[in-house]
Amino acid sequence: MTSPGRPRIAALDVVRGFTLCEILLANIQLIANGDSAVMTQPMGDWDPWLGLPIFSLLFGIGFSLLLDSAANRAPRPRLVLLRRLLALLAIGLLHSLLWRGEILTSYAVVGLLVLLPSTWLPRWAVAGLALALVAAALIGGGGGGPLMIAGLFLLGSALVRYGMIDKIERSTRGPLLLGLAFAAGAASVLWVQGGVRTGTGMPSFTSSLADLLLAGVYVCTLLVLLRTPLRPALSAVFAPLGRMALTNYLTATLLVLAASHVLGLPIGRSLTVAYPAAGVILAAQWLFATLWLRRHRQGPVEWLWRWVTWAHRSDLRIPAS
């Protein structure tokens, strides 16, 4: 999500790669069956909605990082952002021909309607609007809908504009304290939810709020672990997937459909088949990404997306030393 010329933030790649794994586990049966919404929780108490808030936050972060770079490199930086969102819309519409539950189209539309106009607002207004939209989404019961996506987009943008993203590679105390606060909040919400009778309208609100807080726990935990000796292992496992997140998101659909409809695997009917299939797909994507990034600067779809964004074709291959 960063532009040429700006150093990548490795922690974001790790978080993005981890989230990509969770999203495939959550979506694999939906893709195989052609479904567009989660009617039940296939993973039981592990709610598959956790990947959406993290990815939405990362999208908002990436958008504002790109704006910073575009402001220094282009005479009309918002035109750069507009091309990026329109290109994502085109990719999403093509992807929807394979799976109607894909999220890229929604991301592009919300980005055009909310993120792009927000670049004219002061950062305090962006932060306030983010909190208002997230609250409205929770109260309205649309935990994974456009309001929540818009709110998290703006929250990610606000984090960049307040300089917090630049500090995540250097801070341990901040993510630790924030993660403990999120964990305490999630435990409290789940305790309240357990005492509320179904049918009062409260469980939908508390479930979405708990998911949001748990997503925060996941992110903060990863950021803390990246400040420990586990960093090399976490980076080796998740960073290649995260650096090629768009390529992997799209190819996962192709691989799931091929496994389900060409090989005939009952992915949509059996979790005992779906989970190992997801593991094989992720392993294959990790291997491809790791080998590809040894010789190339970006994933193939990321490179095309950047080409349209900047209206300039950059070198894909890394020069031989």
C-alpha atoms as a PDB file:
ATOM      1  CA  MET A   1       0.000   0.000   0.000  1.00  0.00           C
ATOM      2  CA  THR A   2       2.984   2.313   0.149  1.00  0.00           C
ATOM      3  CA  SER A   3       4.196   4.243  -2.808  1.00  0.00           C
ATOM      4  CA  PRO A   4       7.567   4.108  -4.524  1.00  0.00           C
ATOM      5  CA  GLY A   5      10.252   5.961  -2.689  1.00  0.00           C
ATOM      6  CA  ARG A   6       8.840   5.428   0.815  1.00  0.00           C
ATOM      7  CA  PRO A   7      10.378   2.676   2.959  1.00  0.00           C
ATOM      8  CA  ARG A   8       7.939  -0.107   3.758  1.00  0.00           C
ATOM      9  CA  ILE A   9       6.792  -0.449   7.345  1.00  0.00           C
ATOM     10  CA  ALA A  10       7.609  -4.084   8.053  1.00  0.00           C
ATOM     11  CA  ALA A  11       5.174  -4.384  10.950  1.00  0.00           C
ATOM     12  CA  LEU A  12       2.272  -3.511   8.662  1.00  0.00           C
ATOM     13  CA  ASP A  13       3.300  -6.261   6.244  1.00  0.00           C
ATOM     14  CA  VAL A  14       3.295  -8.789   9.096  1.00  0.00           C
ATOM     15  CA  VAL A  15      -0.127  -7.687  10.353  1.00  0.00           C
ATOM     16  CA  ARG A  16      -1.479  -7.697   6.798  1.00  0.00           C
ATOM     17  CA  GLY A  17      -0.134 -11.190   6.132  1.00  0.00           C
ATOM     18  CA  PHE A  18      -1.543 -12.552   9.385  1.00  0.00           C
ATOM     19  CA  THR A  19      -4.937 -11.045   8.608  1.00  0.00           C
ATOM     20  CA  LEU A  20      -4.888 -12.494   5.100  1.00  0.00           C
ATOM     21  CA  CYS A  21      -4.579 -15.972   6.629  1.00  0.00           C
ATOM     22  CA  GLU A  22      -7.559 -15.350   8.903  1.00  0.00           C
ATOM     23  CA  ILE A  23      -9.636 -14.022   6.028  1.00  0.00           C
ATOM     24  CA  LEU A  24      -9.057 -17.120   3.910  1.00  0.00           C
ATOM     25  CA  LEU A  25      -9.993 -19.401   6.805  1.00  0.00           C
ATOM     26  CA  ALA A  26     -13.175 -17.389   7.263  1.00  0.00           C
ATOM     27  CA  ASN A  27     -14.072 -17.185   3.578  1.00  0.00           C
ATOM     28  CA  ILE A  28     -12.993 -20.483   2.085  1.00  0.00           C
ATOM     29  CA  GLN A  29     -16.386 -22.176   2.416  1.00  0.00           C
ATOM     30  CA  LEU A  30     -18.195 -19.036   1.288  1.00  0.00           C
ATOM     31  CA  ILE A  31     -16.036 -18.902  -1.849  1.00  0.00           C
ATOM     32  CA  ALA A  32     -16.565 -22.583  -2.582  1.00  0.00           C
ATOM     33  CA  ASN A  33     -20.344 -22.253  -2.196  1.00  0.00           C
ATOM     34  CA  GLY A  34     -20.622 -18.860  -3.905  1.00  0.00           C
ATOM     35  CA  ASP A  35     -22.090 -17.275  -0.773  1.00  0.00           C
ATOM     36  CA  SER A  36     -21.761 -13.569  -0.050  1.00  0.00           C
ATOM     37  CA  ALA A  37     -22.590 -13.401   3.660  1.00  0.00           C
ATOM     38  CA  VAL A  38     -21.797 -15.385   6.789  1.00  0.00           C
ATOM     39  CA  MET A  39     -25.041 -16.985   7.931  1.00  0.00           C
ATOM     40  CA  THR A  40     -23.430 -19.079  10.659  1.00  0.00           C
ATOM     41  CA  GLN A  41     -20.043 -19.098  12.316  1.00  0.00           C
ATOM     42  CA  PRO A  42     -18.194 -21.988  10.627  1.00  0.00           C
ATOM     43  CA  MET A  43     -15.354 -21.661  13.104  1.00  0.00           C
ATOM     44  CA  GLY A  44     -17.608 -21.748  16.150  1.00  0.00           C
ATOM     45  CA  ASP A  45     -16.634 -19.225  18.805  1.00  0.00           C
ATOM     46  CA  TRP A  46     -13.807 -17.828  16.656  1.00  0.00           C
ATOM     47  CA  ASP A  47     -15.744 -15.182  14.788  1.00  0.00           C
ATOM     48  CA  PRO A  48     -14.623 -14.893  11.141  1.00  0.00           C
ATOM     49  CA  TRP A  49     -15.465 -11.165  11.120  1.00  0.00           C
ATOM     50  CA  LEU A  50     -12.173 -10.388  12.860  1.00  0.00           C
ATOM     51  CA  GLY A  51     -10.291 -10.027   9.587  1.00  0.00           C
ATOM     52  CA  LEU A  52     -12.524  -7.265   8.206  1.00  0.00           C
ATOM     53  CA  PRO A  53     -11.803  -4.557  10.807  1.00  0.00           C
ATOM     54  CA  ILE A  54      -8.054  -5.168  10.667  1.00  0.00           C
ATOM     55  CA  PHE A  55      -7.922  -5.082   6.880  1.00  0.00           C
ATOM     56  CA  SER A  56     -10.130  -1.983   6.787  1.00  0.00           C
ATOM     57  CA  LEU A  57      -7.862  -0.205   9.253  1.00  0.00           C
ATOM     58  CA  LEU A  58      -4.811  -1.179   7.204  1.00  0.00           C
ATOM     59  CA  PHE A  59      -6.454   0.137   4.054  1.00  0.00           C
ATOM     60  CA  GLY A  60      -7.014   3.527   5.654  1.00  0.00           C
ATOM     61  CA  ILE A  61      -3.417   3.560   6.865  1.00  0.00           C
ATOM     62  CA  GLY A  62      -2.088   2.700   3.421  1.00  0.00           C
ATOM     63  CA  PHE A  63      -4.234   5.355   1.789  1.00  0.00           C
ATOM     64  CA  SER A  64      -2.865   8.135   3.979  1.00  0.00           C
ATOM     65  CA  LEU A  65       0.712   6.908   3.607  1.00  0.00           C
ATOM     66  CA  LEU A  66       0.212   7.106  -0.130  1.00  0.00           C
ATOM     67  CA  LEU A  67      -1.213  10.621   0.188  1.00  0.00           C
ATOM     68  CA  ASP A  68       1.914  11.723   2.051  1.00  0.00           C
ATOM     69  CA  SER A  69       4.125  10.315  -0.685  1.00  0.00           C
ATOM     70  CA  ALA A  70       1.968  11.673  -3.494  1.00  0.00           C
ATOM     71  CA  ALA A  71       2.052  15.156  -1.955  1.00  0.00           C
ATOM     72  CA  ASN A  72       5.837  15.111  -2.324  1.00  0.00           C
ATOM     73  CA  ARG A  73       5.963  13.536  -5.780  1.00  0.00           C
ATOM     74  CA  ALA A  74       2.955  14.676  -7.785  1.00  0.00           C
ATOM     75  CA  PRO A  75       1.520  18.130  -8.552  1.00  0.00           C
ATOM     76  CA  ARG A  76      -2.017  16.777  -8.080  1.00  0.00           C
ATOM     77  CA  PRO A  77      -1.771  14.154  -5.325  1.00  0.00           C
ATOM     78  CA  ARG A  78      -5.513  13.555  -5.076  1.00  0.00           C
ATOM     79  CA  LEU A  79      -5.585  12.560  -8.724  1.00  0.00           C
ATOM     80  CA  VAL A  80      -3.110   9.825  -7.816  1.00  0.00           C
ATOM     81  CA  LEU A  81      -5.478   8.628  -5.102  1.00  0.00           C
ATOM     82  CA  LEU A  82      -8.457   8.801  -7.449  1.00  0.00           C
ATOM     83  CA  ARG A  83      -6.716   6.617 -10.029  1.00  0.00           C
ATOM     84  CA  ARG A  84      -5.800   4.147  -7.315  1.00  0.00           C
ATOM     85  CA  LEU A  85      -9.381   3.799  -6.099  1.00  0.00           C
ATOM     86  CA  LEU A  86     -10.811   3.556  -9.622  1.00  0.00           C
ATOM     87  CA  ALA A  87      -8.301   0.839 -10.457  1.00  0.00           C
ATOM     88  CA  LEU A  88      -9.299  -1.032  -7.292  1.00  0.00           C
ATOM     89  CA  LEU A  89     -12.946  -0.704  -8.311  1.00  0.00           C
ATOM     90  CA  ALA A  90     -12.178  -2.274 -11.688  1.00  0.00           C
ATOM     91  CA  ILE A  91     -10.255  -5.109 -10.020  1.00  0.00           C
ATOM     92  CA  GLY A  92     -13.090  -5.669  -7.575  1.00  0.00           C
ATOM     93  CA  LEU A  93     -15.742  -5.771 -10.301  1.00  0.00           C
ATOM     94  CA  LEU A  94     -13.733  -8.371 -12.203  1.00  0.00           C
ATOM     95  CA  HIS A  95     -13.193 -10.359  -9.013  1.00  0.00           C
ATOM     96  CA  SER A  96     -16.931 -10.275  -8.270  1.00  0.00           C
ATOM     97  CA  LEU A  97     -17.493 -12.320 -11.434  1.00  0.00           C
ATOM     98  CA  LEU A  98     -15.775 -15.168  -9.598  1.00  0.00           C
ATOM     99  CA  TRP A  99     -17.100 -14.520  -6.097  1.00  0.00           C
ATOM    100  CA  ARG A 100     -19.908 -12.141  -5.258  1.00  0.00           C
ATOM    101  CA  GLY A 101     -18.787 -11.879  -1.638  1.00  0.00           C
ATOM    102  CA  GLU A 102     -15.512 -10.118  -2.475  1.00  0.00           C
ATOM    103  CA  ILE A 103     -14.768  -6.881  -0.585  1.00  0.00           C
ATOM    104  CA  LEU A 104     -12.619  -4.846  -2.985  1.00  0.00           C
ATOM    105  CA  THR A 105     -15.570  -3.224  -4.741  1.00  0.00           C
ATOM    106  CA  SER A 106     -16.961  -2.017  -1.416  1.00  0.00           C
ATOM    107  CA  TYR A 107     -13.539  -0.758  -0.384  1.00  0.00           C
ATOM    108  CA  ALA A 108     -13.208   1.237  -3.603  1.00  0.00           C
ATOM    109  CA  VAL A 109     -16.681   2.766  -3.370  1.00  0.00           C
ATOM    110  CA  VAL A 110     -16.313   3.685   0.302  1.00  0.00           C
ATOM    111  CA  GLY A 111     -12.867   5.056  -0.465  1.00  0.00           C
ATOM    112  CA  LEU A 112     -14.253   7.278  -3.212  1.00  0.00           C
ATOM    113  CA  LEU A 113     -17.163   8.498  -1.097  1.00  0.00           C
ATOM    114  CA  VAL A 114     -15.413   8.857   2.267  1.00  0.00           C
ATOM    115  CA  LEU A 115     -11.626   8.529   2.217  1.00  0.00           C
ATOM    116  CA  LEU A 116     -10.895  10.777  -0.737  1.00  0.00           C
ATOM    117  CA  PRO A 117     -13.129  13.668   0.471  1.00  0.00           C
ATOM    118  CA  SER A 118     -11.639  13.319   3.972  1.00  0.00           C
ATOM    119  CA  THR A 119      -8.266  14.483   2.650  1.00  0.00           C
ATOM    120  CA  TRP A 120      -9.629  18.034   2.714  1.00  0.00           C
ATOM    121  CA  LEU A 121     -10.590  17.753   6.404  1.00  0.00           C
ATOM    122  CA  PRO A 122      -8.332  18.549   9.385  1.00  0.00           C
ATOM    123  CA  ARG A 123      -7.097  15.511  11.237  1.00  0.00           C
ATOM    124  CA  TRP A 124      -9.253  16.158  14.306  1.00  0.00           C
ATOM    125  CA  ALA A 125     -12.341  16.092  12.111  1.00  0.00           C
ATOM    126  CA  VAL A 126     -11.226  12.835  10.494  1.00  0.00           C
ATOM    127  CA  ALA A 127     -10.693  11.244  13.923  1.00  0.00           C
ATOM    128  CA  GLY A 128     -14.050  12.476  15.203  1.00  0.00           C
ATOM    129  CA  LEU A 129     -15.904  11.297  12.122  1.00  0.00           C
ATOM    130  CA  ALA A 130     -14.183   7.903  12.367  1.00  0.00           C
ATOM    131  CA  LEU A 131     -15.414   7.377  15.926  1.00  0.00           C
ATOM    132  CA  ALA A 132     -18.905   8.571  15.001  1.00  0.00           C
ATOM    133  CA  LEU A 133     -19.172   6.168  12.063  1.00  0.00           C
ATOM    134  CA  VAL A 134     -17.870   3.203  14.068  1.00  0.00           C
ATOM    135  CA  ALA A 135     -20.349   3.975  16.859  1.00  0.00           C
ATOM    136  CA  ALA A 136     -23.202   4.308  14.347  1.00  0.00           C
ATOM    137  CA  ALA A 137     -22.272   0.977  12.759  1.00  0.00           C
ATOM    138  CA  LEU A 138     -22.217  -0.769  16.136  1.00  0.00           C
ATOM    139  CA  ILE A 139     -25.516   0.730  17.278  1.00  0.00           C
ATOM    140  CA  GLY A 140     -27.163   0.004  13.938  1.00  0.00           C
ATOM    141  CA  GLY A 141     -26.078  -3.621  14.000  1.00  0.00           C
ATOM    142  CA  GLY A 142     -24.077  -3.343  10.780  1.00  0.00           C
ATOM    143  CA  GLY A 143     -20.796  -4.508  12.237  1.00  0.00           C
ATOM    144  CA  GLY A 144     -19.354  -5.476   8.868  1.00  0.00           C
ATOM    145  CA  GLY A 145     -21.193  -3.006   6.666  1.00  0.00           C
ATOM    146  CA  PRO A 146     -20.208   0.174   4.831  1.00  0.00           C
ATOM    147  CA  LEU A 147     -20.474   2.387   7.932  1.00  0.00           C
ATOM    148  CA  MET A 148     -17.978   0.265   9.827  1.00  0.00           C
ATOM    149  CA  ILE A 149     -15.651   0.082   6.835  1.00  0.00           C
ATOM    150  CA  ALA A 150     -15.813   3.865   6.424  1.00  0.00           C
ATOM    151  CA  GLY A 151     -15.161   4.445  10.113  1.00  0.00           C
ATOM    152  CA  LEU A 152     -12.155   2.153  10.177  1.00  0.00           C
ATOM    153  CA  PHE A 153     -10.798   3.664   6.956  1.00  0.00           C
ATOM    154  CA  LEU A 154     -10.895   7.078   8.601  1.00  0.00           C
ATOM    155  CA  LEU A 155      -9.446   5.727  11.852  1.00  0.00           C
ATOM    156  CA  GLY A 156      -6.471   4.311   9.958  1.00  0.00           C
ATOM    157  CA  SER A 157      -6.061   7.630   8.158  1.00  0.00           C
ATOM    158  CA  ALA A 158      -6.179   9.527  11.448  1.00  0.00           C
ATOM    159  CA  LEU A 159      -3.494   7.275  12.952  1.00  0.00           C
ATOM    160  CA  VAL A 160      -1.167   8.245  10.101  1.00  0.00           C
ATOM    161  CA  ARG A 161      -1.998  11.931  10.304  1.00  0.00           C
ATOM    162  CA  TYR A 162      -1.317  11.988  14.042  1.00  0.00           C
ATOM    163  CA  GLY A 163       2.070  10.320  13.492  1.00  0.00           C
ATOM    164  CA  MET A 164       1.254   7.119  15.371  1.00  0.00           C
ATOM    165  CA  ILE A 165       2.072   4.750  12.506  1.00  0.00           C
ATOM    166  CA  ASP A 166       5.619   6.096  12.283  1.00  0.00           C
ATOM    167  CA  LYS A 167       6.143   4.978  15.878  1.00  0.00           C
ATOM    168  CA  ILE A 168       4.878   1.384  15.726  1.00  0.00           C
ATOM    169  CA  GLU A 169       8.309  -0.022  14.851  1.00  0.00           C
ATOM    170  CA  ARG A 170       9.860   1.684  17.879  1.00  0.00           C
ATOM    171  CA  SER A 171       7.243   1.272  20.587  1.00  0.00           C
ATOM    172  CA  THR A 172       6.492  -1.657  22.874  1.00  0.00           C
ATOM    173  CA  ARG A 173       4.763   0.016  25.778  1.00  0.00           C
ATOM    174  CA  GLY A 174       2.061   1.672  23.670  1.00  0.00           C
ATOM    175  CA  PRO A 175       0.789  -1.491  21.923  1.00  0.00           C
ATOM    176  CA  LEU A 176       1.104  -3.446  25.186  1.00  0.00           C
ATOM    177  CA  LEU A 177      -1.024  -1.040  27.212  1.00  0.00           C
ATOM    178  CA  LEU A 178      -3.516  -0.602  24.391  1.00  0.00           C
ATOM    179  CA  GLY A 179      -3.771  -4.361  23.916  1.00  0.00           C
ATOM    180  CA  LEU A 180      -4.448  -4.877  27.628  1.00  0.00           C
ATOM    181  CA  ALA A 181      -7.165  -2.210  27.484  1.00  0.00           C
ATOM    182  CA  PHE A 182      -8.735  -3.882  24.441  1.00  0.00           C
ATOM    183  CA  ALA A 183      -8.577  -7.281  26.170  1.00  0.00           C
ATOM    184  CA  ALA A 184     -10.232  -5.928  29.315  1.00  0.00           C
ATOM    185  CA  GLY A 185     -12.904  -4.254  27.211  1.00  0.00           C
ATOM    186  CA  ALA A 186     -13.573  -7.402  25.185  1.00  0.00           C
ATOM    187  CA  ALA A 187     -13.819  -9.524  28.345  1.00  0.00           C
ATOM    188  CA  SER A 188     -16.271  -7.059  29.866  1.00  0.00           C
ATOM    189  CA  VAL A 189     -18.411  -6.931  26.732  1.00  0.00           C
ATOM    190  CA  LEU A 190     -18.509 -10.717  26.431  1.00  0.00           C
ATOM    191  CA  TRP A 191     -19.462 -10.975  30.113  1.00  0.00           C
ATOM    192  CA  VAL A 192     -22.310  -8.534  29.554  1.00  0.00           C
ATOM    193  CA  GLN A 193     -23.365 -10.382  26.425  1.00  0.00           C
ATOM    194  CA  GLY A 194     -23.524 -13.634  28.341  1.00  0.00           C
ATOM    195  CA  GLY A 195     -26.015 -12.104  30.749  1.00  0.00           C
ATOM    196  CA  VAL A 196     -28.299 -10.590  28.108  1.00  0.00           C
ATOM    197  CA  ARG A 197     -31.183 -12.607  26.797  1.00  0.00           C
ATOM    198  CA  THR A 198     -31.340 -13.212  23.049  1.00  0.00           C
ATOM    199  CA  GLY A 199     -33.991 -11.137  21.306  1.00  0.00           C
ATOM    200  CA  THR A 200     -33.421  -7.868  23.165  1.00  0.00           C
ATOM    201  CA  GLY A 201     -31.327  -6.395  20.333  1.00  0.00           C
ATOM    202  CA  MET A 202     -28.271  -6.069  22.569  1.00  0.00           C
ATOM    203  CA  PRO A 203     -26.391  -9.254  21.513  1.00  0.00           C
ATOM    204  CA  SER A 204     -25.799  -7.934  17.974  1.00  0.00           C
ATOM    205  CA  PHE A 205     -24.259  -4.744  19.374  1.00  0.00           C
ATOM    206  CA  THR A 206     -22.150  -6.522  21.982  1.00  0.00           C
ATOM    207  CA  SER A 207     -20.989  -9.191  19.532  1.00  0.00           C
ATOM    208  CA  SER A 208     -19.807  -6.591  17.010  1.00  0.00           C
ATOM    209  CA  LEU A 209     -18.139  -4.536  19.731  1.00  0.00           C
ATOM    210  CA  ALA A 210     -16.396  -7.615  21.111  1.00  0.00           C
ATOM    211  CA  ASP A 211     -15.168  -8.501  17.618  1.00  0.00           C
ATOM    212  CA  LEU A 212     -13.784  -5.013  17.167  1.00  0.00           C
ATOM    213  CA  LEU A 213     -11.984  -5.112  20.505  1.00  0.00           C
ATOM    214  CA  LEU A 214     -10.614  -8.590  19.820  1.00  0.00           C
ATOM    215  CA  ALA A 215      -9.288  -7.384  16.482  1.00  0.00           C
ATOM    216  CA  GLY A 216      -7.441  -4.686  18.421  1.00  0.00           C
ATOM    217  CA  VAL A 217      -6.023  -7.347  20.740  1.00  0.00           C
ATOM    218  CA  TYR A 218      -4.730  -9.337  17.762  1.00  0.00           C
ATOM    219  CA  VAL A 219      -3.017  -6.317  16.218  1.00  0.00           C
ATOM    220  CA  CYS A 220      -1.456  -5.138  19.471  1.00  0.00           C
ATOM    221  CA  THR A 221      -0.256  -8.647  20.304  1.00  0.00           C
ATOM    222  CA  LEU A 222       1.498  -8.912  16.961  1.00  0.00           C
ATOM    223  CA  LEU A 223       3.091  -5.495  17.381  1.00  0.00           C
ATOM    224  CA  VAL A 224       4.393  -6.462  20.823  1.00  0.00           C
ATOM    225  CA  LEU A 225       5.716  -9.817  19.571  1.00  0.00           C
ATOM    226  CA  LEU A 226       7.539  -8.000  16.793  1.00  0.00           C
ATOM    227  CA  ARG A 227       9.572  -6.263  19.497  1.00  0.00           C
ATOM    228  CA  THR A 228      10.790  -9.641  20.812  1.00  0.00           C
ATOM    229  CA  PRO A 229      13.190 -12.293  19.450  1.00  0.00           C
ATOM    230  CA  LEU A 230      10.182 -13.775  17.616  1.00  0.00           C
ATOM    231  CA  ARG A 231      10.334 -10.959  15.059  1.00  0.00           C
ATOM    232  CA  PRO A 232      12.467 -12.823  12.467  1.00  0.00           C
ATOM    233  CA  ALA A 233      10.141 -15.843  12.535  1.00  0.00           C
ATOM    234  CA  LEU A 234       6.968 -13.749  12.330  1.00  0.00           C
ATOM    235  CA  SER A 235       8.432 -11.692   9.504  1.00  0.00           C
ATOM    236  CA  ALA A 236       9.519 -14.785   7.583  1.00  0.00           C
ATOM    237  CA  VAL A 237       6.057 -16.355   7.870  1.00  0.00           C
ATOM    238  CA  PHE A 238       3.726 -13.398   7.382  1.00  0.00           C
ATOM    239  CA  ALA A 239       5.610 -10.565   5.644  1.00  0.00           C
ATOM    240  CA  PRO A 240       5.797 -12.235   2.188  1.00  0.00           C
ATOM    241  CA  LEU A 241       2.043 -12.826   2.283  1.00  0.00           C
ATOM    242  CA  GLY A 242       1.437  -9.252   3.420  1.00  0.00           C
ATOM    243  CA  ARG A 243       3.654  -7.671   0.785  1.00  0.00           C
ATOM    244  CA  MET A 244       1.617  -9.430  -1.895  1.00  0.00           C
ATOM    245  CA  ALA A 245      -1.746  -9.184  -0.131  1.00  0.00           C
ATOM    246  CA  LEU A 246      -3.776  -8.137  -3.189  1.00  0.00           C
ATOM    247  CA  THR A 247      -2.246 -10.814  -5.398  1.00  0.00           C
ATOM    248  CA  ASN A 248      -2.822 -13.430  -2.716  1.00  0.00           C
ATOM    249  CA  TYR A 249      -6.392 -12.315  -2.022  1.00  0.00           C
ATOM    250  CA  LEU A 250      -7.298 -12.671  -5.691  1.00  0.00           C
ATOM    251  CA  THR A 251      -5.428 -15.910  -6.357  1.00  0.00           C
ATOM    252  CA  ALA A 252      -6.948 -17.492  -3.245  1.00  0.00           C
ATOM    253  CA  THR A 253     -10.356 -17.256  -4.923  1.00  0.00           C
ATOM    254  CA  LEU A 254      -9.013 -18.939  -8.053  1.00  0.00           C
ATOM    255  CA  LEU A 255      -7.350 -21.703  -6.044  1.00  0.00           C
ATOM    256  CA  VAL A 256     -10.407 -22.367  -3.878  1.00  0.00           C
ATOM    257  CA  LEU A 257     -12.689 -22.545  -6.918  1.00  0.00           C
ATOM    258  CA  ALA A 258     -10.242 -24.819  -8.723  1.00  0.00           C
ATOM    259  CA  ALA A 259      -9.960 -27.143  -5.728  1.00  0.00           C
ATOM    260  CA  SER A 260     -13.711 -27.205  -5.263  1.00  0.00           C
ATOM    261  CA  HIS A 261     -15.022 -27.379  -8.818  1.00  0.00           C
ATOM    262  CA  VAL A 262     -12.138 -28.862 -10.797  1.00  0.00           C
ATOM    263  CA  LEU A 263     -10.673 -31.284  -8.259  1.00  0.00           C
ATOM    264  CA  GLY A 264     -14.081 -31.886  -6.689  1.00  0.00           C
ATOM    265  CA  LEU A 265     -13.007 -31.362  -3.072  1.00  0.00           C
ATOM    266  CA  PRO A 266     -16.058 -30.870  -0.780  1.00  0.00           C
ATOM    267  CA  ILE A 267     -14.680 -27.655   0.675  1.00  0.00           C
ATOM    268  CA  GLY A 268     -18.083 -26.022   0.993  1.00  0.00           C
ATOM    269  CA  ARG A 269     -19.575 -28.961   2.889  1.00  0.00           C
ATOM    270  CA  SER A 270     -16.806 -30.150   5.175  1.00  0.00           C
ATOM    271  CA  LEU A 271     -14.621 -28.189   7.575  1.00  0.00           C
ATOM    272  CA  THR A 272     -12.262 -31.155   7.799  1.00  0.00           C
ATOM    273  CA  VAL A 273     -11.567 -30.579   4.100  1.00  0.00           C
ATOM    274  CA  ALA A 274     -11.831 -26.785   4.105  1.00  0.00           C
ATOM    275  CA  TYR A 275      -9.198 -26.110   6.755  1.00  0.00           C
ATOM    276  CA  PRO A 276      -6.464 -28.346   5.296  1.00  0.00           C
ATOM    277  CA  ALA A 277      -7.247 -26.889   1.851  1.00  0.00           C
ATOM    278  CA  ALA A 278      -6.794 -23.379   3.252  1.00  0.00           C
ATOM    279  CA  GLY A 279      -3.503 -24.447   4.790  1.00  0.00           C
ATOM    280  CA  VAL A 280      -2.241 -25.850   1.489  1.00  0.00           C
ATOM    281  CA  ILE A 281      -3.288 -22.702  -0.377  1.00  0.00           C
ATOM    282  CA  LEU A 282      -1.584 -20.431   2.139  1.00  0.00           C
ATOM    283  CA  ALA A 283       1.566 -22.544   2.083  1.00  0.00           C
ATOM    284  CA  ALA A 284       1.653 -22.405  -1.720  1.00  0.00           C
ATOM    285  CA  GLN A 285       1.095 -18.649  -1.675  1.00  0.00           C
ATOM    286  CA  TRP A 286       3.812 -18.162   0.922  1.00  0.00           C
ATOM    287  CA  LEU A 287       6.288 -20.178  -1.147  1.00  0.00           C
ATOM    288  CA  PHE A 288       5.431 -18.308  -4.330  1.00  0.00           C
ATOM    289  CA  ALA A 289       5.587 -14.914  -2.605  1.00  0.00           C
ATOM    290  CA  THR A 290       8.907 -15.703  -0.941  1.00  0.00           C
ATOM    291  CA  LEU A 291      10.516 -16.796  -4.220  1.00  0.00           C
ATOM    292  CA  TRP A 292       8.907 -14.003  -6.256  1.00  0.00           C
ATOM    293  CA  LEU A 293      10.037 -11.231  -3.921  1.00  0.00           C
ATOM    294  CA  ARG A 294      13.639 -12.357  -4.167  1.00  0.00           C
ATOM    295  CA  ARG A 295      13.710 -11.075  -7.748  1.00  0.00           C
ATOM    296  CA  HIS A 296      10.834  -8.585  -7.852  1.00  0.00           C
ATOM    297  CA  ARG A 297       9.981  -5.438  -5.947  1.00  0.00           C
ATOM    298  CA  GLN A 298       6.248  -6.169  -5.676  1.00  0.00           C
ATOM    299  CA  GLY A 299       3.649  -8.786  -6.432  1.00  0.00           C
ATOM    300  CA  PRO A 300       2.342  -8.836 -10.022  1.00  0.00           C
ATOM    301  CA  VAL A 301      -1.072  -7.349  -9.235  1.00  0.00           C
ATOM    302  CA  GLU A 302       0.463  -4.796  -6.868  1.00  0.00           C
ATOM    303  CA  TRP A 303       2.813  -3.720  -9.656  1.00  0.00           C
ATOM    304  CA  LEU A 304      -0.051  -3.238 -12.108  1.00  0.00           C
ATOM    305  CA  TRP A 305      -2.019  -1.342  -9.458  1.00  0.00           C
ATOM    306  CA  ARG A 306       0.953   0.952  -8.841  1.00  0.00           C
ATOM    307  CA  TRP A 307       1.382   1.480 -12.580  1.00  0.00           C
ATOM    308  CA  VAL A 308      -2.190   2.785 -12.859  1.00  0.00           C
ATOM    309  CA  THR A 309      -1.881   4.761  -9.619  1.00  0.00           C
ATOM    310  CA  TRP A 310       1.182   6.730 -10.707  1.00  0.00           C
ATOM    311  CA  ALA A 311       0.471   6.597 -14.452  1.00  0.00           C
ATOM    312  CA  HIS A 312       4.054   5.436 -14.838  1.00  0.00           C
ATOM    313  CA  ARG A 313       5.502   1.981 -15.259  1.00  0.00           C
ATOM    314  CA  SER A 314       8.245   1.265 -12.751  1.00  0.00           C
ATOM    315  CA  ASP A 315      10.806  -1.518 -12.830  1.00  0.00           C
ATOM    316  CA  LEU A 316       9.390  -4.708 -11.419  1.00  0.00           C
ATOM    317  CA  ARG A 317      12.543  -6.789 -11.288  1.00  0.00           C
ATOM    318  CA  ILE A 318      15.283  -6.148  -8.769  1.00  0.00           C
ATOM    319  CA  PRO A 319      18.571  -5.473 -10.596  1.00  0.00           C
ATOM    320  CA  ALA A 320      21.131  -8.211 -10.237  1.00  0.00           C
ATOM    321  CA  SER A 321      23.901  -7.207  -7.875  1.00  0.00           C
END
